N, C-alpha and C. Protein backbone atom coordinates (compact mmCIF):
# COMPACT_ATOMS: atom_id res chain seq x y z
N MET A 1 -6.07 56.94 -14.88
CA MET A 1 -6.50 57.69 -16.04
C MET A 1 -5.42 57.71 -17.12
N GLU A 2 -4.15 57.70 -16.70
CA GLU A 2 -3.05 57.71 -17.67
C GLU A 2 -3.08 56.45 -18.53
N LEU A 3 -3.41 55.33 -17.92
CA LEU A 3 -3.45 54.07 -18.66
C LEU A 3 -4.56 54.11 -19.72
N LEU A 4 -5.70 54.65 -19.36
CA LEU A 4 -6.79 54.78 -20.31
C LEU A 4 -6.40 55.70 -21.46
N ASP A 5 -5.76 56.82 -21.15
CA ASP A 5 -5.30 57.74 -22.19
C ASP A 5 -4.30 57.06 -23.13
N ALA A 6 -3.38 56.28 -22.57
CA ALA A 6 -2.40 55.57 -23.39
C ALA A 6 -3.09 54.54 -24.27
N GLY A 7 -4.07 53.82 -23.72
CA GLY A 7 -4.82 52.84 -24.51
C GLY A 7 -5.60 53.49 -25.63
N LEU A 8 -6.21 54.63 -25.36
CA LEU A 8 -6.95 55.34 -26.39
C LEU A 8 -6.03 55.87 -27.48
N ALA A 9 -4.84 56.32 -27.09
CA ALA A 9 -3.86 56.78 -28.08
C ALA A 9 -3.43 55.64 -28.99
N LEU A 10 -3.19 54.47 -28.41
CA LEU A 10 -2.83 53.30 -29.22
C LEU A 10 -3.98 52.93 -30.16
N LYS A 11 -5.20 52.99 -29.65
CA LYS A 11 -6.37 52.65 -30.45
C LYS A 11 -6.47 53.56 -31.66
N GLY A 12 -6.11 54.82 -31.48
CA GLY A 12 -6.17 55.77 -32.58
C GLY A 12 -5.15 55.53 -33.67
N HIS A 13 -4.08 54.80 -33.34
CA HIS A 13 -2.99 54.59 -34.30
C HIS A 13 -2.89 53.16 -34.84
N HIS A 14 -3.57 52.22 -34.18
CA HIS A 14 -3.42 50.82 -34.57
C HIS A 14 -4.79 50.16 -34.70
N ASN A 15 -4.84 49.11 -35.45
CA ASN A 15 -6.10 48.42 -35.70
C ASN A 15 -6.32 47.28 -34.70
N PHE A 16 -6.34 47.63 -33.43
CA PHE A 16 -6.63 46.67 -32.36
C PHE A 16 -7.86 47.14 -31.60
N SER A 17 -8.48 46.24 -30.88
CA SER A 17 -9.62 46.63 -30.05
C SER A 17 -9.13 47.49 -28.89
N LEU A 18 -10.04 48.22 -28.28
CA LEU A 18 -9.68 49.04 -27.13
C LEU A 18 -9.10 48.17 -26.02
N TRP A 19 -9.70 47.00 -25.81
CA TRP A 19 -9.23 46.10 -24.74
C TRP A 19 -7.79 45.65 -24.99
N ASP A 20 -7.47 45.30 -26.23
CA ASP A 20 -6.10 44.91 -26.56
C ASP A 20 -5.15 46.09 -26.37
N CYS A 21 -5.59 47.28 -26.75
CA CYS A 21 -4.75 48.47 -26.57
C CYS A 21 -4.50 48.76 -25.09
N LEU A 22 -5.50 48.51 -24.25
CA LEU A 22 -5.31 48.70 -22.81
C LEU A 22 -4.33 47.68 -22.24
N ILE A 23 -4.36 46.45 -22.76
CA ILE A 23 -3.39 45.43 -22.34
C ILE A 23 -1.98 45.84 -22.74
N ILE A 24 -1.83 46.33 -23.96
CA ILE A 24 -0.52 46.79 -24.43
C ILE A 24 -0.03 47.96 -23.59
N ALA A 25 -0.92 48.92 -23.32
CA ALA A 25 -0.55 50.08 -22.51
C ALA A 25 -0.14 49.67 -21.10
N ALA A 26 -0.85 48.70 -20.52
CA ALA A 26 -0.51 48.23 -19.18
C ALA A 26 0.84 47.52 -19.18
N ALA A 27 1.12 46.74 -20.21
CA ALA A 27 2.41 46.05 -20.32
C ALA A 27 3.54 47.07 -20.46
N GLN A 28 3.31 48.10 -21.27
CA GLN A 28 4.32 49.15 -21.43
C GLN A 28 4.55 49.90 -20.12
N ALA A 29 3.48 50.20 -19.39
CA ALA A 29 3.59 50.92 -18.12
C ALA A 29 4.34 50.09 -17.07
N SER A 30 4.29 48.77 -17.24
CA SER A 30 4.98 47.86 -16.31
C SER A 30 6.38 47.51 -16.78
N ASP A 31 6.84 48.16 -17.84
CA ASP A 31 8.17 47.93 -18.42
C ASP A 31 8.38 46.50 -18.88
N CYS A 32 7.32 45.85 -19.35
CA CYS A 32 7.44 44.50 -19.92
C CYS A 32 8.12 44.60 -21.28
N THR A 33 8.86 43.58 -21.64
CA THR A 33 9.50 43.55 -22.95
C THR A 33 8.84 42.55 -23.88
N THR A 34 8.09 41.58 -23.33
CA THR A 34 7.40 40.58 -24.13
C THR A 34 5.97 40.44 -23.63
N LEU A 35 5.03 40.46 -24.57
CA LEU A 35 3.63 40.21 -24.25
C LEU A 35 3.20 38.98 -25.03
N TYR A 36 2.88 37.92 -24.31
CA TYR A 36 2.46 36.68 -24.95
C TYR A 36 0.97 36.75 -25.27
N THR A 37 0.63 36.57 -26.54
CA THR A 37 -0.76 36.65 -26.98
C THR A 37 -0.94 35.81 -28.23
N GLU A 38 -2.08 35.16 -28.32
CA GLU A 38 -2.39 34.42 -29.55
C GLU A 38 -3.32 35.21 -30.45
N ASP A 39 -3.81 36.35 -29.97
CA ASP A 39 -4.81 37.12 -30.71
C ASP A 39 -4.24 38.30 -31.49
N MET A 40 -3.07 38.77 -31.11
CA MET A 40 -2.50 39.95 -31.76
C MET A 40 -1.35 39.54 -32.67
N SER A 41 -0.86 40.46 -33.45
CA SER A 41 0.15 40.20 -34.48
C SER A 41 1.51 39.80 -33.89
N HIS A 42 1.90 38.55 -34.15
CA HIS A 42 3.19 38.04 -33.66
C HIS A 42 4.33 38.88 -34.24
N GLY A 43 5.25 39.26 -33.38
CA GLY A 43 6.44 39.99 -33.80
C GLY A 43 6.27 41.50 -33.86
N ARG A 44 5.06 41.97 -33.70
CA ARG A 44 4.81 43.42 -33.75
C ARG A 44 5.44 44.09 -32.54
N ARG A 45 6.03 45.25 -32.76
CA ARG A 45 6.71 45.98 -31.70
C ARG A 45 6.00 47.27 -31.35
N PHE A 46 6.01 47.57 -30.08
CA PHE A 46 5.51 48.83 -29.54
C PHE A 46 6.60 49.36 -28.62
N GLY A 47 7.53 50.11 -29.17
CA GLY A 47 8.68 50.55 -28.38
C GLY A 47 9.52 49.34 -28.00
N ASN A 48 9.76 49.14 -26.71
CA ASN A 48 10.54 48.00 -26.23
C ASN A 48 9.71 46.73 -26.08
N LEU A 49 8.41 46.84 -26.27
CA LEU A 49 7.49 45.70 -26.09
C LEU A 49 7.30 44.98 -27.43
N VAL A 50 7.46 43.67 -27.40
CA VAL A 50 7.22 42.86 -28.61
C VAL A 50 6.11 41.86 -28.31
N LEU A 51 5.20 41.68 -29.27
CA LEU A 51 4.12 40.72 -29.14
C LEU A 51 4.62 39.35 -29.60
N CYS A 52 4.31 38.33 -28.83
CA CYS A 52 4.81 36.98 -29.14
C CYS A 52 3.68 35.96 -29.00
N ASN A 53 3.44 35.23 -30.08
CA ASN A 53 2.47 34.14 -30.02
C ASN A 53 3.20 32.89 -29.57
N PRO A 54 2.90 32.38 -28.37
CA PRO A 54 3.64 31.22 -27.85
C PRO A 54 3.30 29.92 -28.55
N PHE A 55 2.29 29.92 -29.42
CA PHE A 55 1.88 28.70 -30.10
C PHE A 55 2.46 28.55 -31.50
N LEU A 56 3.27 29.51 -31.91
CA LEU A 56 3.91 29.40 -33.23
C LEU A 56 5.18 28.59 -33.16
């Protein structure tokens, strides 16, 4: 339930889909520092987590 709450909080503050926010929340909960994605904003930071497009 905590993960869902974190995803919903992100959704309320950022212009991402709920599914993307849940992925970000799960990565943060796992202490990831890099999330590789081609769909979200490259270089965007969420605390210690940075989004990285591996195709750029």
